[in-house]
Amino acid sequence: MRAEPDVLEEAIGHGFHDRDILSRALTHKSFVHERFAAGEATLGDNEQMEFLGDAILGFLVSEALIRQHPGLPEGQLSKLKAHLVSASHLHEVAQELRLGDYLLLGRGEELSGGRDKKALLANAVEALIAAIYLDGGIEATRQFVLGHVAGGVEALSQSPALPIIDFKSALQELAQARRLPPPRYAIVKERGPEHAKTFTVEVRIGHDLAGQAEALSKKSAGQKAAQVLLERLSGEDA
C-alpha cells in the first residue's frame, strides 16, 4: 500500500502549498502510461522534473562544497560532487526517506520491484528536489539538499580515501571546468583467454594528457584510467 504524502512532507521538512506538484514528482511514467491506456487523465509523470532537479542539485552541491571548502583543489571538489550527485548516493537518500513507499507506479513496475530500484529511486530524489524548488523556492531546496544530500560532506572530505565514485563523470566535469577537450577512451590492449580477458583502456584529453589502466572489464578499466588522469590533474593543483 502507498504511504500518505503528508508523512513524506514531515520527513523532508517542507509542507507543499501545491500538492499537485508533489504528486507529479512522485508519479512514474509507468503509472501514466497505464492510466492513459485506460482512458484516464493524470497530471503527467516526473521525467521533466527529474531533468530540472538534476540541474538544481548540481548547482546547490557545488555551492555547498565551495562554501564549506574554499581552499580545496578543483579536482577534489569534482570528486566530492560526483559522489554526492551519483545514483548510488541518491539511492541511499531515497532509502532513508523511504521514498519508494510514496511513488505512484504502474502495476507492471510495481510487480517488478520498482519501489526498490536504484535508478528509479535516484531519479525520484531529483524530481522531489525540483518539486520543492517549484513550490518553495531556492532556499527551501537548499535546506533539503544540505540536510539530506550533502549533510556528510565534512566527514567525507576529511577521509583519506573517497568512496567509489564515477571517475569518468568527475573527469568530464573537470575538463569542462578547465575548458579542455572532452575525454576520449580507447581500448589499447586485450590479453588472456576469452572467458577471462584483461583490458587496458587509455583516456586522453587533447594530445598531452593521458592515463592508462587495466581491469577484467572494459567498464572498470575505463573508470580506473579516468581515476589515474583525474588524480594527475588534481595533483597539479596541489
C-alpha atoms as a PDB file:
ATOM      1  CA  MET A   1       0.000   0.000   0.000  1.00  0.00           C
ATOM      2  CA  ARG A   2       1.251   3.505  -0.878  1.00  0.00           C
ATOM      3  CA  ALA A   3       2.138   5.675   2.120  1.00  0.00           C
ATOM      4  CA  GLU A   4       0.488   9.050   2.687  1.00  0.00           C
ATOM      5  CA  PRO A   5       2.420  12.018   1.186  1.00  0.00           C
ATOM      6  CA  ASP A   6       1.972  14.148   4.322  1.00  0.00           C
ATOM      7  CA  VAL A   7       4.323  11.762   6.141  1.00  0.00           C
ATOM      8  CA  LEU A   8       6.930  12.453   3.462  1.00  0.00           C
ATOM      9  CA  GLU A   9       6.410  16.199   3.860  1.00  0.00           C
ATOM     10  CA  GLU A  10       7.242  15.879   7.546  1.00  0.00           C
ATOM     11  CA  ALA A  11      10.349  13.819   6.754  1.00  0.00           C
ATOM     12  CA  ILE A  12      11.733  16.341   4.257  1.00  0.00           C
ATOM     13  CA  GLY A  13      10.776  19.370   6.324  1.00  0.00           C
ATOM     14  CA  HIS A  14       8.639  21.041   3.676  1.00  0.00           C
ATOM     15  CA  GLY A  15       4.857  21.305   3.551  1.00  0.00           C
ATOM     16  CA  PHE A  16       3.643  21.790  -0.017  1.00  0.00           C
ATOM     17  CA  HIS A  17       1.341  24.679  -0.880  1.00  0.00           C
ATOM     18  CA  ASP A  18       0.544  22.949  -4.167  1.00  0.00           C
ATOM     19  CA  ARG A  19       0.048  19.214  -3.619  1.00  0.00           C
ATOM     20  CA  ASP A  20      -0.202  18.639  -7.378  1.00  0.00           C
ATOM     21  CA  ILE A  21       3.497  19.459  -7.713  1.00  0.00           C
ATOM     22  CA  LEU A  22       4.388  16.815  -5.128  1.00  0.00           C
ATOM     23  CA  SER A  23       2.041  14.300  -6.751  1.00  0.00           C
ATOM     24  CA  ARG A  24       3.690  14.758 -10.135  1.00  0.00           C
ATOM     25  CA  ALA A  25       7.168  14.381  -8.621  1.00  0.00           C
ATOM     26  CA  LEU A  26       6.090  11.024  -7.199  1.00  0.00           C
ATOM     27  CA  THR A  27       4.439   9.763 -10.402  1.00  0.00           C
ATOM     28  CA  HIS A  28       6.430   7.307 -12.508  1.00  0.00           C
ATOM     29  CA  LYS A  29       5.829   7.131 -16.250  1.00  0.00           C
ATOM     30  CA  SER A  30       4.539   3.544 -15.915  1.00  0.00           C
ATOM     31  CA  PHE A  31       1.567   4.854 -13.887  1.00  0.00           C
ATOM     32  CA  VAL A  32       0.754   7.497 -16.507  1.00  0.00           C
ATOM     33  CA  HIS A  33       1.005   5.025 -19.388  1.00  0.00           C
ATOM     34  CA  GLU A  34      -1.413   2.620 -17.731  1.00  0.00           C
ATOM     35  CA  ARG A  35      -3.918   5.363 -16.921  1.00  0.00           C
ATOM     36  CA  PHE A  36      -3.677   6.771 -20.452  1.00  0.00           C
ATOM     37  CA  ALA A  37      -4.320   3.324 -21.914  1.00  0.00           C
ATOM     38  CA  ALA A  38      -7.383   3.074 -19.697  1.00  0.00           C
ATOM     39  CA  GLY A  39      -8.639   6.486 -20.862  1.00  0.00           C
ATOM     40  CA  GLU A  40      -7.979   8.190 -17.514  1.00  0.00           C
ATOM     41  CA  ALA A  41      -6.360  11.627 -17.194  1.00  0.00           C
ATOM     42  CA  THR A  42      -3.327  12.256 -14.961  1.00  0.00           C
ATOM     43  CA  LEU A  43      -1.096  15.197 -14.081  1.00  0.00           C
ATOM     44  CA  GLY A  44       1.808  13.693 -16.040  1.00  0.00           C
ATOM     45  CA  ASP A  45       4.942  11.849 -14.967  1.00  0.00           C
ATOM     46  CA  ASN A  46       8.057  13.113 -13.219  1.00  0.00           C
ATOM     47  CA  GLU A  47      10.616  12.867 -16.046  1.00  0.00           C
ATOM     48  CA  GLN A  48      10.787  16.610 -16.752  1.00  0.00           C
ATOM     49  CA  MET A  49      11.051  17.251 -13.021  1.00  0.00           C
ATOM     50  CA  GLU A  50      13.994  14.836 -12.853  1.00  0.00           C
ATOM     51  CA  PHE A  51      15.702  16.954 -15.526  1.00  0.00           C
ATOM     52  CA  LEU A  52      15.153  20.171 -13.577  1.00  0.00           C
ATOM     53  CA  GLY A  53      16.066  18.577 -10.260  1.00  0.00           C
ATOM     54  CA  ASP A  54      19.359  17.276 -11.638  1.00  0.00           C
ATOM     55  CA  ALA A  55      20.412  20.810 -12.622  1.00  0.00           C
ATOM     56  CA  ILE A  56      19.325  22.321  -9.296  1.00  0.00           C
ATOM     57  CA  LEU A  57      21.083  19.580  -7.342  1.00  0.00           C
ATOM     58  CA  GLY A  58      24.329  20.122  -9.241  1.00  0.00           C
ATOM     59  CA  PHE A  59      24.243  23.845  -8.525  1.00  0.00           C
ATOM     60  CA  LEU A  60      23.426  23.513  -4.820  1.00  0.00           C
ATOM     61  CA  VAL A  61      26.000  20.788  -4.198  1.00  0.00           C
ATOM     62  CA  SER A  62      28.670  22.864  -5.971  1.00  0.00           C
ATOM     63  CA  GLU A  63      27.685  25.900  -3.913  1.00  0.00           C
ATOM     64  CA  ALA A  64      27.830  23.907  -0.656  1.00  0.00           C
ATOM     65  CA  LEU A  65      31.264  22.491  -1.471  1.00  0.00           C
ATOM     66  CA  ILE A  66      32.710  25.895  -2.345  1.00  0.00           C
ATOM     67  CA  ARG A  67      31.325  27.472   0.839  1.00  0.00           C
ATOM     68  CA  GLN A  68      32.445  24.675   3.133  1.00  0.00           C
ATOM     69  CA  HIS A  69      35.832  24.078   1.489  1.00  0.00           C
ATOM     70  CA  PRO A  70      37.050  27.319  -0.144  1.00  0.00           C
ATOM     71  CA  GLY A  71      40.646  26.071  -0.275  1.00  0.00           C
ATOM     72  CA  LEU A  72      40.005  22.601  -1.699  1.00  0.00           C
ATOM     73  CA  PRO A  73      41.565  21.899  -5.141  1.00  0.00           C
ATOM     74  CA  GLU A  74      39.207  21.759  -8.090  1.00  0.00           C
ATOM     75  CA  GLY A  75      39.872  18.079  -8.710  1.00  0.00           C
ATOM     76  CA  GLN A  76      38.949  17.148  -5.157  1.00  0.00           C
ATOM     77  CA  LEU A  77      35.797  19.247  -5.375  1.00  0.00           C
ATOM     78  CA  SER A  78      34.865  17.381  -8.562  1.00  0.00           C
ATOM     79  CA  LYS A  79      35.344  14.029  -6.819  1.00  0.00           C
ATOM     80  CA  LEU A  80      33.157  15.052  -3.909  1.00  0.00           C
ATOM     81  CA  LYS A  81      30.462  16.435  -6.188  1.00  0.00           C
ATOM     82  CA  ALA A  82      30.483  13.324  -8.369  1.00  0.00           C
ATOM     83  CA  HIS A  83      29.849  11.212  -5.277  1.00  0.00           C
ATOM     84  CA  LEU A  84      27.104  13.422  -3.851  1.00  0.00           C
ATOM     85  CA  VAL A  85      25.097  13.572  -7.095  1.00  0.00           C
ATOM     86  CA  SER A  86      25.714   9.926  -8.040  1.00  0.00           C
ATOM     87  CA  ALA A  87      22.865   7.443  -8.406  1.00  0.00           C
ATOM     88  CA  SER A  88      24.340   5.364  -5.590  1.00  0.00           C
ATOM     89  CA  HIS A  89      24.274   8.242  -3.120  1.00  0.00           C
ATOM     90  CA  LEU A  90      20.828   9.455  -4.193  1.00  0.00           C
ATOM     91  CA  HIS A  91      19.571   5.891  -3.803  1.00  0.00           C
ATOM     92  CA  GLU A  92      20.772   5.994  -0.180  1.00  0.00           C
ATOM     93  CA  VAL A  93      18.971   9.317   0.306  1.00  0.00           C
ATOM     94  CA  ALA A  94      15.782   7.789  -1.111  1.00  0.00           C
ATOM     95  CA  GLN A  95      16.068   4.786   1.206  1.00  0.00           C
ATOM     96  CA  GLU A  96      16.496   6.998   4.265  1.00  0.00           C
ATOM     97  CA  LEU A  97      13.351   8.909   3.294  1.00  0.00           C
ATOM     98  CA  ARG A  98      11.536   5.671   2.357  1.00  0.00           C
ATOM     99  CA  LEU A  99      10.736   7.476  -0.872  1.00  0.00           C
ATOM    100  CA  GLY A 100       9.748   4.293  -2.668  1.00  0.00           C
ATOM    101  CA  ASP A 101       6.738   3.958  -0.366  1.00  0.00           C
ATOM    102  CA  TYR A 102       5.220   7.165  -1.777  1.00  0.00           C
ATOM    103  CA  LEU A 103       5.636   6.571  -5.505  1.00  0.00           C
ATOM    104  CA  LEU A 104       2.778   6.089  -7.941  1.00  0.00           C
ATOM    105  CA  LEU A 105       3.799   3.135 -10.119  1.00  0.00           C
ATOM    106  CA  GLY A 106       2.127   1.160 -12.841  1.00  0.00           C
ATOM    107  CA  ARG A 107       1.126  -2.392 -11.987  1.00  0.00           C
ATOM    108  CA  GLY A 108       3.929  -3.912 -14.049  1.00  0.00           C
ATOM    109  CA  GLU A 109       6.576  -1.702 -12.441  1.00  0.00           C
ATOM    110  CA  GLU A 110       5.141  -2.456  -9.017  1.00  0.00           C
ATOM    111  CA  LEU A 111       5.313  -6.212  -9.574  1.00  0.00           C
ATOM    112  CA  SER A 112       8.911  -5.997 -10.847  1.00  0.00           C
ATOM    113  CA  GLY A 113      10.084  -4.347  -7.616  1.00  0.00           C
ATOM    114  CA  GLY A 114      10.073  -0.756  -8.827  1.00  0.00           C
ATOM    115  CA  ARG A 115       9.883   0.691  -5.315  1.00  0.00           C
ATOM    116  CA  ASP A 116      13.385  -0.636  -4.627  1.00  0.00           C
ATOM    117  CA  LYS A 117      15.074   0.006  -7.982  1.00  0.00           C
ATOM    118  CA  LYS A 118      18.223   2.086  -7.644  1.00  0.00           C
ATOM    119  CA  ALA A 119      17.883   4.225 -10.792  1.00  0.00           C
ATOM    120  CA  LEU A 120      14.160   4.786 -10.303  1.00  0.00           C
ATOM    121  CA  LEU A 121      14.648   5.970  -6.717  1.00  0.00           C
ATOM    122  CA  ALA A 122      17.622   8.183  -7.599  1.00  0.00           C
ATOM    123  CA  ASN A 123      15.533   9.840 -10.300  1.00  0.00           C
ATOM    124  CA  ALA A 124      12.684  10.303  -7.829  1.00  0.00           C
ATOM    125  CA  VAL A 125      15.009  12.216  -5.478  1.00  0.00           C
ATOM    126  CA  GLU A 126      15.866  14.589  -8.333  1.00  0.00           C
ATOM    127  CA  ALA A 127      12.158  15.035  -9.118  1.00  0.00           C
ATOM    128  CA  LEU A 128      11.466  15.737  -5.450  1.00  0.00           C
ATOM    129  CA  ILE A 129      14.187  18.405  -5.428  1.00  0.00           C
ATOM    130  CA  ALA A 130      12.514  20.077  -8.424  1.00  0.00           C
ATOM    131  CA  ALA A 131       9.139  19.911  -6.672  1.00  0.00           C
ATOM    132  CA  ILE A 132      10.496  21.608  -3.555  1.00  0.00           C
ATOM    133  CA  TYR A 133      12.066  24.314  -5.733  1.00  0.00           C
ATOM    134  CA  LEU A 134       8.883  24.935  -7.737  1.00  0.00           C
ATOM    135  CA  ASP A 135       6.744  25.046  -4.602  1.00  0.00           C
ATOM    136  CA  GLY A 136       9.016  26.718  -2.062  1.00  0.00           C
ATOM    137  CA  GLY A 137      11.866  28.399  -3.919  1.00  0.00           C
ATOM    138  CA  ILE A 138      15.629  28.027  -3.801  1.00  0.00           C
ATOM    139  CA  GLU A 139      16.084  28.484  -0.044  1.00  0.00           C
ATOM    140  CA  ALA A 140      13.714  25.630   0.837  1.00  0.00           C
ATOM    141  CA  THR A 141      15.513  23.476  -1.723  1.00  0.00           C
ATOM    142  CA  ARG A 142      18.908  24.461  -0.342  1.00  0.00           C
ATOM    143  CA  GLN A 143      17.833  23.370   3.147  1.00  0.00           C
ATOM    144  CA  PHE A 144      16.686  19.993   1.829  1.00  0.00           C
ATOM    145  CA  VAL A 145      19.902  19.401  -0.124  1.00  0.00           C
ATOM    146  CA  LEU A 146      22.109  20.427   2.803  1.00  0.00           C
ATOM    147  CA  GLY A 147      20.115  18.316   5.225  1.00  0.00           C
ATOM    148  CA  HIS A 148      19.600  15.162   3.192  1.00  0.00           C
ATOM    149  CA  VAL A 149      22.074  15.047   0.289  1.00  0.00           C
ATOM    150  CA  ALA A 150      25.209  16.970   1.272  1.00  0.00           C
ATOM    151  CA  GLY A 151      24.973  16.564   5.032  1.00  0.00           C
ATOM    152  CA  GLY A 152      28.006  14.313   5.374  1.00  0.00           C
ATOM    153  CA  VAL A 153      30.339  16.290   3.152  1.00  0.00           C
ATOM    154  CA  GLU A 154      32.564  17.441   6.043  1.00  0.00           C
ATOM    155  CA  ALA A 155      33.453  13.912   7.119  1.00  0.00           C
ATOM    156  CA  LEU A 156      33.704  12.772   3.513  1.00  0.00           C
ATOM    157  CA  SER A 157      36.211  15.471   2.574  1.00  0.00           C
ATOM    158  CA  GLN A 158      38.451  14.582   5.530  1.00  0.00           C
ATOM    159  CA  SER A 159      38.509  10.882   4.692  1.00  0.00           C
ATOM    160  CA  PRO A 160      41.872   9.648   3.361  1.00  0.00           C
ATOM    161  CA  ALA A 161      40.032   7.693   0.663  1.00  0.00           C
ATOM    162  CA  LEU A 162      36.845   8.778  -1.029  1.00  0.00           C
ATOM    163  CA  PRO A 163      34.188   6.136  -1.611  1.00  0.00           C
ATOM    164  CA  ILE A 164      33.984   4.542  -5.044  1.00  0.00           C
ATOM    165  CA  ILE A 165      32.575   7.171  -7.375  1.00  0.00           C
ATOM    166  CA  ASP A 166      32.022   7.763 -11.067  1.00  0.00           C
ATOM    167  CA  PHE A 167      35.528   8.896 -12.012  1.00  0.00           C
ATOM    168  CA  LYS A 168      34.524   9.257 -15.665  1.00  0.00           C
ATOM    169  CA  SER A 169      31.897  11.856 -14.772  1.00  0.00           C
ATOM    170  CA  ALA A 170      34.295  13.633 -12.418  1.00  0.00           C
ATOM    171  CA  LEU A 171      36.964  13.789 -15.135  1.00  0.00           C
ATOM    172  CA  GLN A 172      34.490  15.124 -17.684  1.00  0.00           C
ATOM    173  CA  GLU A 173      33.316  17.828 -15.272  1.00  0.00           C
ATOM    174  CA  LEU A 174      36.902  18.856 -14.540  1.00  0.00           C
ATOM    175  CA  ALA A 175      37.709  19.023 -18.263  1.00  0.00           C
ATOM    176  CA  GLN A 176      34.649  21.215 -18.845  1.00  0.00           C
ATOM    177  CA  ALA A 177      35.568  23.473 -15.929  1.00  0.00           C
ATOM    178  CA  ARG A 178      39.058  23.982 -17.384  1.00  0.00           C
ATOM    179  CA  ARG A 179      37.727  24.413 -20.940  1.00  0.00           C
ATOM    180  CA  LEU A 180      39.635  21.353 -22.124  1.00  0.00           C
ATOM    181  CA  PRO A 181      38.540  18.918 -24.852  1.00  0.00           C
ATOM    182  CA  PRO A 182      36.257  16.102 -23.664  1.00  0.00           C
ATOM    183  CA  PRO A 183      37.969  12.883 -22.524  1.00  0.00           C
ATOM    184  CA  ARG A 184      38.295  10.152 -25.192  1.00  0.00           C
ATOM    185  CA  TYR A 185      38.565   6.473 -24.263  1.00  0.00           C
ATOM    186  CA  ALA A 186      40.137   3.673 -26.273  1.00  0.00           C
ATOM    187  CA  ILE A 187      40.966   0.013 -25.625  1.00  0.00           C
ATOM    188  CA  VAL A 188      44.690  -0.263 -26.322  1.00  0.00           C
ATOM    189  CA  LYS A 189      45.264  -3.891 -25.323  1.00  0.00           C
ATOM    190  CA  GLU A 190      43.406  -7.136 -24.648  1.00  0.00           C
ATOM    191  CA  ARG A 191      45.086 -10.209 -23.212  1.00  0.00           C
ATOM    192  CA  GLY A 192      44.125 -13.562 -21.772  1.00  0.00           C
ATOM    193  CA  PRO A 193      41.580 -16.235 -22.761  1.00  0.00           C
ATOM    194  CA  GLU A 194      38.125 -15.267 -23.965  1.00  0.00           C
ATOM    195  CA  HIS A 195      36.460 -16.156 -20.658  1.00  0.00           C
ATOM    196  CA  ALA A 196      38.955 -14.190 -18.531  1.00  0.00           C
ATOM    197  CA  LYS A 197      40.267 -11.301 -20.595  1.00  0.00           C
ATOM    198  CA  THR A 198      42.102  -8.311 -19.175  1.00  0.00           C
ATOM    199  CA  PHE A 199      41.520  -4.979 -20.883  1.00  0.00           C
ATOM    200  CA  THR A 200      43.811  -1.965 -20.952  1.00  0.00           C
ATOM    201  CA  VAL A 201      41.998   1.314 -21.549  1.00  0.00           C
ATOM    202  CA  GLU A 202      43.562   4.695 -22.247  1.00  0.00           C
ATOM    203  CA  VAL A 203      41.838   8.010 -21.712  1.00  0.00           C
ATOM    204  CA  ARG A 204      43.138  11.134 -23.411  1.00  0.00           C
ATOM    205  CA  ILE A 205      42.317  14.818 -23.132  1.00  0.00           C
ATOM    206  CA  GLY A 206      43.796  16.600 -26.110  1.00  0.00           C
ATOM    207  CA  HIS A 207      47.276  15.480 -27.166  1.00  0.00           C
ATOM    208  CA  ASP A 208      49.260  15.812 -23.945  1.00  0.00           C
ATOM    209  CA  LEU A 209      47.056  14.472 -21.137  1.00  0.00           C
ATOM    210  CA  ALA A 210      46.589  10.711 -20.851  1.00  0.00           C
ATOM    211  CA  GLY A 211      46.050   7.939 -18.348  1.00  0.00           C
ATOM    212  CA  GLN A 212      46.000   4.144 -18.651  1.00  0.00           C
ATOM    213  CA  ALA A 213      44.714   1.294 -16.506  1.00  0.00           C
ATOM    214  CA  GLU A 214      43.767  -2.350 -16.834  1.00  0.00           C
ATOM    215  CA  ALA A 215      40.963  -4.425 -15.375  1.00  0.00           C
ATOM    216  CA  LEU A 216      38.867  -7.518 -16.051  1.00  0.00           C
ATOM    217  CA  SER A 217      36.127  -5.466 -17.748  1.00  0.00           C
ATOM    218  CA  LYS A 218      36.180  -2.559 -20.178  1.00  0.00           C
ATOM    219  CA  LYS A 219      33.981  -0.520 -17.855  1.00  0.00           C
ATOM    220  CA  SER A 220      36.247  -0.972 -14.821  1.00  0.00           C
ATOM    221  CA  ALA A 221      39.363  -0.277 -16.876  1.00  0.00           C
ATOM    222  CA  GLY A 222      37.792   2.951 -18.158  1.00  0.00           C
ATOM    223  CA  GLN A 223      36.918   4.062 -14.623  1.00  0.00           C
ATOM    224  CA  LYS A 224      40.433   3.301 -13.382  1.00  0.00           C
ATOM    225  CA  ALA A 225      42.016   5.147 -16.302  1.00  0.00           C
ATOM    226  CA  ALA A 226      39.808   8.154 -15.574  1.00  0.00           C
ATOM    227  CA  GLN A 227      40.885   7.997 -11.931  1.00  0.00           C
ATOM    228  CA  VAL A 228      44.570   7.968 -12.931  1.00  0.00           C
ATOM    229  CA  LEU A 229      44.192  11.078 -15.079  1.00  0.00           C
ATOM    230  CA  LEU A 230      41.907  12.797 -12.565  1.00  0.00           C
ATOM    231  CA  GLU A 231      44.477  12.324  -9.801  1.00  0.00           C
ATOM    232  CA  ARG A 232      47.230  13.619 -12.073  1.00  0.00           C
ATOM    233  CA  LEU A 233      45.249  16.759 -12.860  1.00  0.00           C
ATOM    234  CA  SER A 234      44.295  17.193  -9.204  1.00  0.00           C
ATOM    235  CA  GLY A 235      47.950  16.884  -8.222  1.00  0.00           C
ATOM    236  CA  GLU A 236      48.793  19.822 -10.461  1.00  0.00           C
ATOM    237  CA  ASP A 237      46.522  21.950  -8.216  1.00  0.00           C
ATOM    238  CA  ALA A 238      48.268  20.897  -5.005  1.00  0.00           C
END
